[in-house]
Amino acid sequence: MSSKSPRIAAMIEGFRGQAFDAHYLGYFDCFNRQLFYEAHDVLEEMWLPQKKERNGAFYKGLIQLAGAFVHLQKQRLQPAAALFKLARTNLRQYPPFHEGVNLENVWALMDDWLGRLERNNFTRNPLTESEAPKLAMPAAPTPGTP
């Protein structure tokens, strides 16, 4: 057990027993509260033991997306752009609707924030100029659908 595990367990407690792993749901909750570093940590704990499995790149992409916003919070604009690009590469490997998430919306979000950085030649932080992004919580699968 890592030293982060008790803190992460507390963050995901309310999500246990739902259709998706509590870490996965905790990621979205943290992200939407602008706790991007915590979102990264929560999902990383789930991802590490299964990073070579079929959803490894998917979870890695979500972790990188949160990491990009951590960089924006710390005024590191070019590293943020690099992580947006890595996240895009990883998440584009999956179909438009995957693990309860409309990835077309996530792709558009990444492209928008990366575009804001590039259009301003990395001189202005879009996170300080506009409202932080939100991700829709994963939709539980409908009974009878894969």
Foldseek 3Di string as FASTA:
>chain_A
DDPCVVVLCVQQVVVPPDLDDSLQQSLQVCVQVLVLVSSLVSLCVVQVVPLVPPCNLVSVLSSLQSVLSVCLVVLNNVSSLVSLVSSLVSNVVDDCADQQFRVVVVNVVSVVLSVVCVVVVNPDRVPVVDPRDHGDRGDRDDPPDD
